[in-house]
């Protein structure tokens, strides 16, 4: 009886998964996911441009994704642009969940594959949360800037007897994520999700170069975010800004900070360009199933 129940449960789960794949394998869903890459690229490029201006003394600011979204809303046709950003964030968040649950990139179900898919799930949640400040800005309310950044320490973590250890774990997570990004950059692993069969040799070389520099820059920022969060846990020169803006500000105040900040800023701009190009060449659920 138990064996029959288990088999029935497996068959039901498989049927649900197959139905989900059919719904996700839709032209408009794919377009929404690809537009998500363009939106992510625009946000990173804007952060990089503002940081580069700050580094060269031409204004600018150390900016988080949330404050970058708020800045977009202040531009001419800001509400229209924010609607596009919201659509793109929705698409990229959806892509995170699709990658985690339906595994179109073929990561598998072993320990390594499940870890990678957990990262996709975190990405989906993170970009989904960015919809909140986007909508708040769209309706004329403050998105909260650094406080709205998913990379900062949530105030809830600081409460309770385990607060300090949870913050330490949060900081270690970001450092590990940053190191992982640097490893991906060094080994060029990001290219395994690209449809290189439809690209020319020059396109592959250009995209690989953009990805290496971009992932490395983002990895360094992630490590800095983790370090600042650990400072918060141990109250050693704790900074108020713990997300992207705090990490970029830390670079700006370091020895030779203007050069370090400029280098990372350029890397983030190139990551933005890489992300936008992924909209054209990234493998999707339909790509994986067709191969």
Protein backbone atom coordinates (compact mmCIF):
# COMPACT_ATOMS: atom_id res chain seq x y z
CA UNK A 1 0.00 0.00 0.00
CA UNK A 2 2.80 2.38 0.93
CA UNK A 3 4.63 1.51 -2.28
CA UNK A 4 1.52 2.31 -4.32
CA UNK A 5 1.10 5.61 -2.47
CA UNK A 6 4.70 6.59 -3.16
CA UNK A 7 4.34 5.77 -6.86
CA UNK A 8 1.11 7.74 -7.05
CA UNK A 9 2.76 10.73 -5.39
CA UNK A 10 5.69 10.54 -7.84
CA UNK A 11 3.36 10.35 -10.82
CA UNK A 12 1.33 13.30 -9.51
CA UNK A 13 4.47 15.34 -8.93
CA UNK A 14 5.76 14.53 -12.41
CA UNK A 15 2.42 15.53 -13.95
CA UNK A 16 2.44 18.85 -12.09
CA UNK A 17 6.04 19.50 -13.15
CA UNK A 18 5.29 18.67 -16.80
CA UNK A 19 2.31 21.02 -16.78
CA UNK A 20 4.45 23.78 -15.28
CA UNK A 21 7.07 23.27 -17.99
CA UNK A 22 4.43 23.52 -20.69
CA UNK A 23 3.16 26.81 -19.27
CA UNK A 24 6.67 28.19 -18.82
CA UNK A 25 7.65 27.11 -22.34
CA UNK A 26 5.69 30.00 -23.79
CA UNK A 27 6.90 32.66 -26.22
CA UNK A 28 5.66 35.56 -24.09
CA UNK A 29 7.09 34.08 -20.91
CA UNK A 30 10.44 33.71 -22.66
CA UNK A 31 10.31 37.30 -23.90
CA UNK A 32 9.52 38.47 -20.38
CA UNK A 33 12.51 36.53 -19.02
CA UNK A 34 14.82 37.91 -21.70
CA UNK A 35 13.62 41.45 -20.99
CA UNK A 36 14.59 40.78 -17.40
CA UNK A 37 18.22 40.48 -18.49
CA UNK A 38 18.02 43.87 -20.21
CA UNK A 39 16.56 45.44 -17.07
CA UNK A 40 19.22 43.88 -14.85
CA UNK A 41 21.87 45.14 -17.25
CA UNK A 42 20.48 48.68 -17.21
CA UNK A 43 20.45 48.78 -13.39
CA UNK A 44 24.04 47.55 -13.11
CA UNK A 45 25.21 49.91 -15.84
CA UNK A 46 23.59 52.87 -14.07
CA UNK A 47 25.22 51.91 -10.77
CA UNK A 48 28.57 51.65 -12.55
CA UNK A 49 28.19 54.98 -14.35
CA UNK A 50 27.32 56.85 -11.15
CA UNK A 51 30.23 55.20 -9.33
CA UNK A 52 32.59 56.11 -12.20
CA UNK A 53 31.48 59.75 -12.06
CA UNK A 54 32.14 59.68 -8.30
CA UNK A 55 35.60 58.19 -8.85
CA UNK A 56 36.66 60.85 -11.36
CA UNK A 57 35.17 63.71 -9.31
CA UNK A 58 32.36 64.50 -11.74
CA UNK A 59 29.49 64.13 -9.30
CA UNK A 60 27.90 60.70 -9.18
CA UNK A 61 27.26 58.63 -6.08
CA UNK A 62 27.77 55.26 -4.44
CA UNK A 63 24.46 53.73 -5.45
CA UNK A 64 22.48 50.59 -4.63
CA UNK A 65 20.06 48.89 -7.05
CA UNK A 66 17.14 50.38 -5.12
CA UNK A 67 18.45 53.94 -5.24
CA UNK A 68 19.28 53.46 -8.92
CA UNK A 69 15.63 52.56 -9.51
CA UNK A 70 14.56 55.69 -7.61
CA UNK A 71 16.88 57.75 -9.83
CA UNK A 72 15.28 56.25 -12.93
CA UNK A 73 11.91 57.38 -11.61
CA UNK A 74 13.15 60.99 -11.41
CA UNK A 75 14.04 61.13 -15.10
CA UNK A 76 11.74 62.46 -17.85
CA UNK A 77 9.01 59.88 -18.48
CA UNK A 78 10.08 58.38 -15.16
CA UNK A 79 6.81 56.57 -14.48
CA UNK A 80 6.89 54.93 -17.89
CA UNK A 81 10.49 53.86 -17.29
CA UNK A 82 9.58 52.50 -13.85
CA UNK A 83 6.81 50.42 -15.40
CA UNK A 84 9.39 48.93 -17.77
CA UNK A 85 11.74 48.29 -14.84
CA UNK A 86 8.94 46.57 -12.90
CA UNK A 87 8.15 44.36 -15.89
CA UNK A 88 11.82 43.50 -16.28
CA UNK A 89 12.28 42.71 -12.59
CA UNK A 90 9.21 40.49 -12.73
CA UNK A 91 10.68 38.71 -15.72
CA UNK A 92 14.07 38.16 -14.12
CA UNK A 93 12.51 37.04 -10.82
CA UNK A 94 10.35 34.58 -12.76
CA UNK A 95 13.46 33.31 -14.56
CA UNK A 96 15.09 32.69 -11.19
CA UNK A 97 12.18 30.51 -10.08
CA UNK A 98 12.05 28.71 -13.44
CA UNK A 99 15.76 27.89 -13.24
CA UNK A 100 15.43 26.70 -9.66
CA UNK A 101 12.31 24.56 -10.07
CA UNK A 102 12.24 23.43 -13.71
CA UNK A 103 16.03 23.31 -14.21
CA UNK A 104 16.15 24.36 -17.89
CA UNK A 105 19.93 24.80 -17.63
CA UNK A 106 20.41 21.18 -16.62
CA UNK A 107 22.11 21.66 -13.26
CA UNK A 108 20.72 18.33 -12.03
CA UNK A 109 19.63 17.06 -8.62
CA UNK A 110 22.94 16.11 -7.03
CA UNK A 111 24.41 18.21 -4.21
CA UNK A 112 26.25 20.55 -6.59
CA UNK A 113 23.20 20.98 -8.79
CA UNK A 114 20.85 21.64 -5.88
CA UNK A 115 23.27 24.26 -4.52
CA UNK A 116 23.28 26.02 -7.89
CA UNK A 117 19.50 25.87 -8.09
CA UNK A 118 19.26 27.28 -4.55
CA UNK A 119 21.26 30.23 -5.87
CA UNK A 120 18.75 30.67 -8.68
CA UNK A 121 15.94 30.62 -6.11
CA UNK A 122 17.71 33.30 -4.07
CA UNK A 123 18.06 35.35 -7.25
CA UNK A 124 14.34 35.03 -7.93
CA UNK A 125 13.46 36.14 -4.41
CA UNK A 126 15.98 39.02 -4.46
CA UNK A 127 14.78 40.50 -7.73
CA UNK A 128 11.18 39.89 -6.72
CA UNK A 129 11.77 41.93 -3.55
CA UNK A 130 13.17 44.75 -5.69
CA UNK A 131 9.68 45.09 -7.13
CA UNK A 132 8.54 46.55 -3.80
CA UNK A 133 10.65 49.75 -3.90
CA UNK A 134 9.98 50.01 -7.64
CA UNK A 135 6.22 50.04 -7.11
CA UNK A 136 6.58 52.39 -4.11
CA UNK A 137 8.58 54.81 -6.23
CA UNK A 138 6.05 54.47 -9.04
CA UNK A 139 3.19 55.54 -6.76
CA UNK A 140 5.21 58.41 -5.31
CA UNK A 141 6.51 56.90 -2.09
CA UNK A 142 10.14 56.44 -1.11
CA UNK A 143 11.57 53.02 -1.88
CA UNK A 144 13.87 53.19 1.12
CA UNK A 145 17.20 53.33 -0.75
CA UNK A 146 19.72 51.32 1.18
CA UNK A 147 17.14 49.97 3.54
CA UNK A 148 15.31 48.53 0.61
CA UNK A 149 18.35 46.76 -0.72
CA UNK A 150 18.26 43.02 -0.42
CA UNK A 151 21.99 43.00 0.31
CA UNK A 152 21.74 44.96 3.57
CA UNK A 153 21.17 43.39 6.98
CA UNK A 154 17.41 43.04 7.61
CA UNK A 155 16.59 44.62 10.97
CA UNK A 156 14.75 41.44 11.97
CA UNK A 157 18.05 39.56 11.96
CA UNK A 158 19.45 41.82 14.67
CA UNK A 159 16.64 41.04 17.11
CA UNK A 160 16.62 38.05 19.41
CA UNK A 161 19.36 36.02 21.11
CA UNK A 162 20.64 34.55 17.83
CA UNK A 163 20.68 37.92 16.05
CA UNK A 164 24.47 38.30 16.04
CA UNK A 165 25.05 34.80 14.68
CA UNK A 166 22.42 35.23 11.99
CA UNK A 167 24.10 38.46 10.89
CA UNK A 168 27.47 36.67 10.82
CA UNK A 169 25.92 33.93 8.69
CA UNK A 170 24.45 36.59 6.39
CA UNK A 171 27.85 38.25 6.01
CA UNK A 172 29.62 34.94 5.36
CA UNK A 173 26.97 34.14 2.75
CA UNK A 174 27.76 37.32 0.80
CA UNK A 175 31.51 36.71 1.02
CA UNK A 176 31.02 33.15 -0.24
CA UNK A 177 28.77 34.44 -3.02
CA UNK A 178 31.42 36.97 -4.00
CA UNK A 179 34.18 34.37 -4.10
CA UNK A 180 31.89 32.15 -6.17
CA UNK A 181 31.35 35.00 -8.64
CA UNK A 182 35.10 35.45 -8.98
CA UNK A 183 35.57 31.71 -9.60
CA UNK A 184 32.85 31.84 -12.26
CA UNK A 185 34.67 34.78 -13.84
CA UNK A 186 38.05 33.02 -13.80
CA UNK A 187 36.75 29.75 -15.22
CA UNK A 188 34.27 31.35 -17.62
CA UNK A 189 31.46 29.11 -16.37
CA UNK A 190 28.83 31.69 -17.32
CA UNK A 191 29.32 30.76 -20.99
CA UNK A 192 27.81 27.30 -20.51
CA UNK A 193 24.39 28.95 -20.34
CA UNK A 194 24.92 30.80 -23.61
CA UNK A 195 23.83 29.61 -27.07
CA UNK A 196 27.36 29.74 -28.49
CA UNK A 197 26.30 27.58 -31.46
CA UNK A 198 24.52 30.57 -33.00
CA UNK A 199 27.34 33.04 -32.27
CA UNK A 200 30.40 33.99 -34.27
CA UNK A 201 33.90 33.54 -32.85
CA UNK A 202 34.20 37.31 -32.32
CA UNK A 203 30.87 37.45 -30.50
CA UNK A 204 31.90 34.59 -28.22
CA UNK A 205 35.23 36.26 -27.45
CA UNK A 206 33.58 39.64 -26.75
CA UNK A 207 30.87 38.19 -24.52
CA UNK A 208 33.42 36.08 -22.62
CA UNK A 209 35.55 39.15 -21.95
CA UNK A 210 32.56 41.17 -20.76
CA UNK A 211 31.43 38.32 -18.52
CA UNK A 212 34.86 37.74 -16.96
CA UNK A 213 35.38 41.39 -16.05
CA UNK A 214 31.76 41.91 -15.02
CA UNK A 215 31.47 38.85 -12.80
CA UNK A 216 34.81 39.63 -11.16
CA UNK A 217 33.70 43.20 -10.39
CA UNK A 218 30.40 42.02 -8.98
CA UNK A 219 32.20 39.37 -6.94
CA UNK A 220 34.45 41.97 -5.34
CA UNK A 221 31.42 44.09 -4.44
CA UNK A 222 29.70 41.05 -2.90
CA UNK A 223 32.77 40.30 -0.78
CA UNK A 224 32.83 43.91 0.42
CA UNK A 225 29.13 43.73 1.27
CA UNK A 226 29.81 40.62 3.35
CA UNK A 227 32.72 42.30 5.10
CA UNK A 228 30.63 45.35 6.00
CA UNK A 229 27.85 43.10 7.32
CA UNK A 230 30.40 41.30 9.52
CA UNK A 231 31.51 44.70 10.80
CA UNK A 232 27.89 45.26 11.80
CA UNK A 233 27.83 41.96 13.68
CA UNK A 234 30.98 42.74 15.64
CA UNK A 235 30.33 46.51 15.85
CA UNK A 236 33.80 47.24 14.44
CA UNK A 237 33.43 50.50 12.57
CA UNK A 238 29.96 49.43 11.51
CA UNK A 239 28.57 51.30 8.53
CA UNK A 240 25.00 52.41 8.08
CA UNK A 241 24.97 51.49 4.39
CA UNK A 242 25.53 47.76 4.06
CA UNK A 243 24.53 47.08 0.45
CA UNK A 244 26.01 48.07 -2.88
CA UNK A 245 26.24 51.72 -1.86
CA UNK A 246 28.15 50.84 1.31
CA UNK A 247 30.56 48.60 -0.57
CA UNK A 248 31.26 51.23 -3.23
CA UNK A 249 31.69 53.91 -0.55
CA UNK A 250 34.19 51.65 1.23
CA UNK A 251 36.18 51.42 -2.01
CA UNK A 252 36.09 55.19 -2.45
CA UNK A 253 37.57 55.72 1.03
CA UNK A 254 40.29 53.09 0.67
CA UNK A 255 43.90 53.96 -0.25
CA UNK A 256 43.95 54.76 -3.99
CA UNK A 257 40.18 54.62 -3.68
CA UNK A 258 39.46 56.63 -6.81
CA UNK A 259 41.37 54.11 -8.94
CA UNK A 260 39.81 51.09 -7.23
CA UNK A 261 36.33 52.57 -7.49
CA UNK A 262 36.85 53.47 -11.15
CA UNK A 263 38.01 49.94 -11.96
CA UNK A 264 35.02 48.33 -10.21
CA UNK A 265 32.66 50.89 -11.77
CA UNK A 266 33.87 50.00 -15.25
CA UNK A 267 33.48 46.32 -14.38
CA UNK A 268 29.87 46.88 -13.31
CA UNK A 269 29.15 48.78 -16.52
CA UNK A 270 30.59 45.88 -18.52
CA UNK A 271 28.52 43.44 -16.46
CA UNK A 272 25.49 45.49 -17.43
CA UNK A 273 26.45 45.16 -21.09
CA UNK A 274 27.00 41.40 -20.67
CA UNK A 275 23.61 41.02 -19.01
CA UNK A 276 21.85 42.94 -21.77
CA UNK A 277 23.49 40.74 -24.43
CA UNK A 278 22.34 37.65 -22.52
CA UNK A 279 18.82 38.67 -23.50
CA UNK A 280 19.72 37.57 -27.02
CA UNK A 281 21.89 34.54 -26.37
CA UNK A 282 20.90 33.00 -23.02
CA UNK A 283 19.52 29.47 -23.07
CA UNK A 284 15.88 29.23 -22.00
CA UNK A 285 13.46 26.41 -21.22
CA UNK A 286 12.52 26.08 -24.90
CA UNK A 287 16.20 26.06 -25.91
CA UNK A 288 17.02 23.28 -23.45
CA UNK A 289 14.08 21.16 -24.46
CA UNK A 290 14.87 21.55 -28.15
CA UNK A 291 18.48 20.47 -27.69
